[in-house]
């Protein structure tokens, strides 16, 4: 972690960085095709300062990954990491399409929660139309599953109507932004919206959504440092988003409050009014 601390100014004092969204299991979805790619991703994560990583393969109608497959994959890959001397602890999880999630029974959903705790990682729709998404996500909560919303900044539905995300957060859901989104990895529209969401106080954790070591790498701290230039004060809550909240999600119990008000850009953010209403 000494190298990771050098990525941020003195005084911020990261102790651990926990990444709760990564496609690290080999030959499961659109992540690494073989274990060598998984090991490369893991080495890149450690080099970027990550000590714990959730394996979150897609669970969709096209990729109906089961909890037993995830747990077997995590056990096998953890053994490979340990044998290779890569100091990274894996946790089981999944990234669920909401249309698939509502069709699963509660026992299977519970087995797919992040780290086996209380929280499901639910993918925000990447299509321009996703009727019923909010209703389905709320239905999962009524069944006793707490919800983390994955990459809302990349959802055209939420970009058009950010009040939808604010309403889901008000219902107790958490929002997870992809670190690369904050620095333009998915284009300028996504970058602006991601920064707007942070500014509005609608982001609770940052994760990598890594798929490999190069094209979709597992970085967090370096991206946050770069984004701080656009959103001064972002680093003041970076430990909360990359360590404290992820730790609470894995451990269970209450999610800690943010360290003060959200950072503000020098120019008015598009979601300032949404942030004031919350």
Protein backbone atom coordinates (compact mmCIF):
# COMPACT_ATOMS: atom_id res chain seq x y z
CA UNK A 1 0.00 0.00 0.00
CA UNK A 2 2.94 2.41 0.27
CA UNK A 3 2.88 2.88 -3.49
CA UNK A 4 -0.85 3.47 -3.40
CA UNK A 5 -0.51 6.21 -0.79
CA UNK A 6 1.87 8.05 -3.10
CA UNK A 7 -1.01 8.47 -5.54
CA UNK A 8 -2.70 10.97 -3.20
CA UNK A 9 -1.34 13.99 -1.32
CA UNK A 10 0.19 13.50 2.10
CA UNK A 11 -2.36 13.52 4.88
CA UNK A 12 -5.13 11.52 3.25
CA UNK A 13 -3.88 8.29 4.85
CA UNK A 14 -5.53 5.40 2.98
CA UNK A 15 -5.12 2.13 4.83
CA UNK A 16 -7.07 -0.18 2.52
CA UNK A 17 -8.79 0.17 -0.83
CA UNK A 18 -11.71 -2.17 -1.46
CA UNK A 19 -13.08 -2.65 -4.97
CA UNK A 20 -16.61 -4.11 -4.97
CA UNK A 21 -17.14 -4.40 -8.72
CA UNK A 22 -14.76 -6.37 -10.94
CA UNK A 23 -15.08 -9.08 -13.56
CA UNK A 24 -12.06 -11.06 -12.47
CA UNK A 25 -13.21 -14.68 -12.68
CA UNK A 26 -11.86 -16.44 -15.79
CA UNK A 27 -14.09 -17.82 -18.55
CA UNK A 28 -17.34 -16.72 -16.90
CA UNK A 29 -18.50 -13.59 -18.70
CA UNK A 30 -16.79 -10.77 -20.61
CA UNK A 31 -13.85 -10.66 -18.21
CA UNK A 32 -10.61 -12.63 -18.61
CA UNK A 33 -10.82 -15.68 -20.84
CA UNK A 34 -8.26 -17.68 -18.85
CA UNK A 35 -6.68 -17.69 -15.42
CA UNK A 36 -3.57 -15.91 -16.71
CA UNK A 37 -5.72 -12.89 -17.51
CA UNK A 38 -7.28 -13.02 -14.05
CA UNK A 39 -3.84 -13.06 -12.45
CA UNK A 40 -2.77 -10.09 -14.57
CA UNK A 41 -5.89 -8.18 -13.50
CA UNK A 42 -5.20 -9.05 -9.86
CA UNK A 43 -1.59 -7.88 -10.08
CA UNK A 44 -2.76 -4.60 -11.61
CA UNK A 45 -5.29 -4.17 -8.81
CA UNK A 46 -2.64 -4.67 -6.13
CA UNK A 47 -0.31 -2.27 -7.93
CA UNK A 48 -3.14 0.29 -7.90
CA UNK A 49 -3.58 -0.05 -4.14
CA UNK A 50 -6.43 -2.56 -3.87
CA UNK A 51 -6.29 -5.13 -1.07
CA UNK A 52 -9.78 -6.64 -1.41
CA UNK A 53 -11.79 -7.28 -4.56
CA UNK A 54 -15.33 -8.54 -5.14
CA UNK A 55 -15.71 -10.92 -8.05
CA UNK A 56 -18.96 -9.76 -9.66
CA UNK A 57 -19.66 -11.70 -12.86
CA UNK A 58 -22.76 -10.80 -14.84
CA UNK A 59 -25.99 -12.59 -13.98
CA UNK A 60 -28.36 -12.05 -16.91
CA UNK A 61 -30.67 -14.09 -19.08
CA UNK A 62 -27.81 -14.48 -21.56
CA UNK A 63 -25.26 -15.21 -18.81
CA UNK A 64 -27.20 -17.06 -16.08
CA UNK A 65 -24.24 -17.38 -13.72
CA UNK A 66 -25.19 -19.16 -10.49
CA UNK A 67 -24.06 -18.48 -6.93
CA UNK A 68 -22.46 -21.93 -6.74
CA UNK A 69 -20.41 -21.16 -9.85
CA UNK A 70 -19.32 -17.82 -8.38
CA UNK A 71 -18.23 -19.35 -5.09
CA UNK A 72 -16.38 -22.18 -6.79
CA UNK A 73 -14.68 -19.68 -9.08
CA UNK A 74 -13.66 -17.47 -6.16
CA UNK A 75 -12.21 -20.43 -4.24
CA UNK A 76 -10.25 -21.61 -7.25
CA UNK A 77 -8.92 -18.16 -8.16
CA UNK A 78 -8.03 -17.33 -4.56
CA UNK A 79 -5.92 -20.46 -4.55
CA UNK A 80 -4.17 -19.30 -7.72
CA UNK A 81 -3.57 -15.85 -6.21
CA UNK A 82 -2.13 -17.33 -3.03
CA UNK A 83 0.12 -19.70 -4.98
CA UNK A 84 1.38 -16.79 -7.08
CA UNK A 85 2.02 -14.63 -4.02
CA UNK A 86 -0.50 -11.95 -5.05
CA UNK A 87 -1.79 -10.29 -1.83
CA UNK A 88 -5.41 -9.81 -2.85
CA UNK A 89 -8.43 -11.11 -0.96
CA UNK A 90 -11.44 -12.04 -3.08
CA UNK A 91 -15.10 -11.83 -2.11
CA UNK A 92 -18.02 -13.44 -3.95
CA UNK A 93 -20.71 -11.32 -5.54
CA UNK A 94 -22.45 -10.67 -8.82
CA UNK A 95 -23.64 -7.89 -11.10
CA UNK A 96 -27.30 -8.65 -11.65
CA UNK A 97 -29.55 -7.52 -14.45
CA UNK A 98 -32.72 -6.48 -12.65
CA UNK A 99 -34.95 -8.42 -15.06
CA UNK A 100 -33.06 -11.61 -14.14
CA UNK A 101 -32.82 -10.79 -10.44
CA UNK A 102 -36.57 -10.51 -9.91
CA UNK A 103 -36.96 -14.00 -11.41
CA UNK A 104 -34.54 -15.62 -8.94
CA UNK A 105 -35.67 -17.00 -5.59
CA UNK A 106 -34.60 -15.28 -2.39
CA UNK A 107 -32.11 -17.97 -1.39
CA UNK A 108 -30.21 -17.60 -4.67
CA UNK A 109 -30.32 -13.81 -4.44
CA UNK A 110 -28.95 -13.95 -0.90
CA UNK A 111 -26.12 -16.18 -2.10
CA UNK A 112 -25.26 -13.63 -4.80
CA UNK A 113 -24.97 -10.68 -2.42
CA UNK A 114 -21.64 -8.87 -2.12
CA UNK A 115 -19.45 -10.83 0.27
CA UNK A 116 -22.47 -12.84 1.39
CA UNK A 117 -23.78 -9.79 3.27
CA UNK A 118 -26.96 -7.75 2.78
CA UNK A 119 -26.31 -5.96 -0.51
CA UNK A 120 -26.97 -6.94 -4.13
CA UNK A 121 -25.08 -5.19 -6.93
CA UNK A 122 -27.76 -4.37 -9.52
CA UNK A 123 -26.79 -3.10 -12.96
CA UNK A 124 -28.32 0.18 -14.05
CA UNK A 125 -29.78 -0.11 -17.56
CA UNK A 126 -27.39 0.68 -20.39
CA UNK A 127 -30.17 0.80 -22.98
CA UNK A 128 -32.00 4.00 -23.88
CA UNK A 129 -35.28 2.42 -22.76
CA UNK A 130 -35.70 0.38 -19.59
CA UNK A 131 -39.32 0.47 -18.53
CA UNK A 132 -39.94 -0.84 -15.04
CA UNK A 133 -36.34 -0.65 -13.81
CA UNK A 134 -37.10 1.46 -10.73
CA UNK A 135 -40.15 -0.61 -9.82
CA UNK A 136 -38.16 -3.85 -10.11
CA UNK A 137 -35.29 -2.49 -8.01
CA UNK A 138 -37.73 -1.40 -5.31
CA UNK A 139 -39.36 -4.84 -5.46
CA UNK A 140 -36.02 -6.44 -4.63
CA UNK A 141 -35.83 -4.24 -1.53
CA UNK A 142 -39.31 -5.28 -0.41
CA UNK A 143 -38.06 -8.87 -0.58
CA UNK A 144 -35.34 -8.02 1.94
CA UNK A 145 -32.37 -7.41 -0.36
CA UNK A 146 -30.52 -4.11 -0.04
CA UNK A 147 -29.43 -2.65 -3.38
CA UNK A 148 -26.23 -1.07 -4.70
CA UNK A 149 -26.83 0.52 -8.09
CA UNK A 150 -23.92 -0.16 -10.45
CA UNK A 151 -22.65 2.63 -12.74
CA UNK A 152 -25.76 4.89 -12.85
CA UNK A 153 -23.64 7.51 -14.63
CA UNK A 154 -23.53 5.27 -17.71
CA UNK A 155 -27.29 4.78 -17.89
CA UNK A 156 -29.06 6.82 -20.62
CA UNK A 157 -32.30 6.49 -18.64
CA UNK A 158 -30.79 8.16 -15.59
CA UNK A 159 -28.86 10.69 -17.64
CA UNK A 160 -32.17 11.90 -19.07
CA UNK A 161 -33.87 11.97 -15.68
CA UNK A 162 -31.43 12.08 -12.74
CA UNK A 163 -34.36 12.55 -10.35
CA UNK A 164 -35.01 8.82 -10.83
CA UNK A 165 -31.67 8.05 -9.20
CA UNK A 166 -32.27 10.57 -6.43
CA UNK A 167 -35.59 8.85 -5.69
CA UNK A 168 -33.97 5.40 -5.48
CA UNK A 169 -31.23 6.73 -3.19
CA UNK A 170 -33.92 8.30 -1.01
CA UNK A 171 -35.42 4.80 -0.71
CA UNK A 172 -32.14 3.55 0.80
CA UNK A 173 -30.20 2.36 -2.23
CA UNK A 174 -26.51 3.15 -2.71
CA UNK A 175 -24.95 4.36 -5.96
CA UNK A 176 -21.60 3.06 -7.24
CA UNK A 177 -19.76 5.06 -9.89
CA UNK A 178 -17.04 3.56 -12.06
CA UNK A 179 -13.69 5.24 -11.38
CA UNK A 180 -12.89 5.52 -15.08
CA UNK A 181 -16.12 7.44 -15.67
CA UNK A 182 -14.76 10.29 -13.56
CA UNK A 183 -11.85 10.82 -15.96
CA UNK A 184 -13.51 10.36 -19.34
CA UNK A 185 -12.93 6.65 -19.96
CA UNK A 186 -16.52 6.30 -21.21
CA UNK A 187 -16.76 9.66 -22.96
CA UNK A 188 -17.46 13.25 -22.04
CA UNK A 189 -21.19 12.87 -21.40
CA UNK A 190 -20.62 10.10 -18.86
CA UNK A 191 -17.75 12.01 -17.25
CA UNK A 192 -19.85 15.14 -16.77
CA UNK A 193 -22.78 13.19 -15.39
CA UNK A 194 -20.56 11.21 -13.01
CA UNK A 195 -19.10 14.44 -11.60
CA UNK A 196 -22.61 15.90 -11.38
CA UNK A 197 -23.74 12.91 -9.33
CA UNK A 198 -20.84 13.27 -6.92
CA UNK A 199 -21.55 16.98 -6.61
CA UNK A 200 -25.20 16.26 -5.86
CA UNK A 201 -24.25 13.85 -3.06
CA UNK A 202 -25.68 10.84 -4.90
CA UNK A 203 -22.51 8.70 -5.01
CA UNK A 204 -21.60 6.40 -2.13
CA UNK A 205 -18.79 4.27 -3.49
CA UNK A 206 -16.38 4.10 -6.39
CA UNK A 207 -15.33 0.81 -8.00
CA UNK A 208 -13.33 -0.17 -11.05
CA UNK A 209 -15.72 -2.43 -13.01
CA UNK A 210 -12.46 -3.92 -14.26
CA UNK A 211 -12.55 -6.51 -17.03
CA UNK A 212 -8.82 -6.91 -17.67
CA UNK A 213 -5.45 -5.42 -16.81
CA UNK A 214 -5.19 -2.94 -19.69
CA UNK A 215 -8.38 -2.09 -21.60
CA UNK A 216 -10.64 -1.93 -18.52
CA UNK A 217 -8.08 -1.82 -15.67
CA UNK A 218 -8.72 -2.02 -11.91
CA UNK A 219 -7.69 1.48 -10.85
CA UNK A 220 -9.33 3.66 -8.20
CA UNK A 221 -6.97 6.06 -6.46
CA UNK A 222 -5.21 7.44 -9.53
CA UNK A 223 -8.56 8.19 -11.18
CA UNK A 224 -9.85 9.94 -8.05
CA UNK A 225 -6.74 12.04 -7.83
CA UNK A 226 -7.14 13.11 -11.47
CA UNK A 227 -10.85 13.86 -10.98
CA UNK A 228 -10.06 16.03 -7.96
CA UNK A 229 -8.64 18.63 -10.34
CA UNK A 230 -12.11 19.01 -11.87
CA UNK A 231 -14.01 18.55 -8.61
CA UNK A 232 -11.85 20.05 -5.82
CA UNK A 233 -12.43 18.31 -2.52
CA UNK A 234 -13.21 14.91 -4.04
CA UNK A 235 -10.17 13.42 -2.31
CA UNK A 236 -11.61 14.47 1.05
CA UNK A 237 -14.25 11.78 0.69
CA UNK A 238 -12.25 9.28 -1.37
CA UNK A 239 -11.45 7.07 1.64
CA UNK A 240 -15.16 7.00 2.47
CA UNK A 241 -16.02 5.86 -1.07
CA UNK A 242 -13.19 3.35 -1.50
CA UNK A 243 -12.77 1.93 2.00
CA UNK A 244 -15.35 2.88 4.63
CA UNK A 245 -18.53 2.29 2.64
CA UNK A 246 -17.25 -0.87 0.90
CA UNK A 247 -16.12 -2.24 4.27
CA UNK A 248 -19.57 -1.61 5.76
CA UNK A 249 -21.22 -3.33 2.79
CA UNK A 250 -19.08 -6.43 3.31
CA UNK A 251 -19.38 -6.43 7.10
CA UNK A 252 -23.05 -5.59 7.42
CA UNK A 253 -24.49 -2.96 9.70
CA UNK A 254 -24.98 0.75 9.03
CA UNK A 255 -23.24 2.57 6.19
CA UNK A 256 -21.13 5.44 7.59
CA UNK A 257 -22.15 8.99 6.90
CA UNK A 258 -20.04 10.97 4.43
CA UNK A 259 -17.28 13.21 5.78
CA UNK A 260 -18.97 16.56 5.33
CA UNK A 261 -20.82 18.04 2.36
CA UNK A 262 -20.10 16.82 -1.18
CA UNK A 263 -17.42 18.62 -3.19
CA UNK A 264 -18.44 21.40 -5.55
CA UNK A 265 -17.07 22.39 -8.90
CA UNK A 266 -16.13 25.94 -9.64
CA UNK A 267 -19.05 26.10 -12.07
CA UNK A 268 -22.64 25.20 -11.31
CA UNK A 269 -23.30 21.46 -11.66
CA UNK A 270 -26.31 20.22 -13.60
CA UNK A 271 -27.62 18.42 -10.55
CA UNK A 272 -27.11 21.14 -7.93
CA UNK A 273 -30.88 21.54 -7.57
CA UNK A 274 -31.36 17.78 -7.12
CA UNK A 275 -28.68 17.81 -4.42
CA UNK A 276 -30.45 20.63 -2.58
CA UNK A 277 -33.79 18.79 -2.59
CA UNK A 278 -32.34 15.69 -0.92
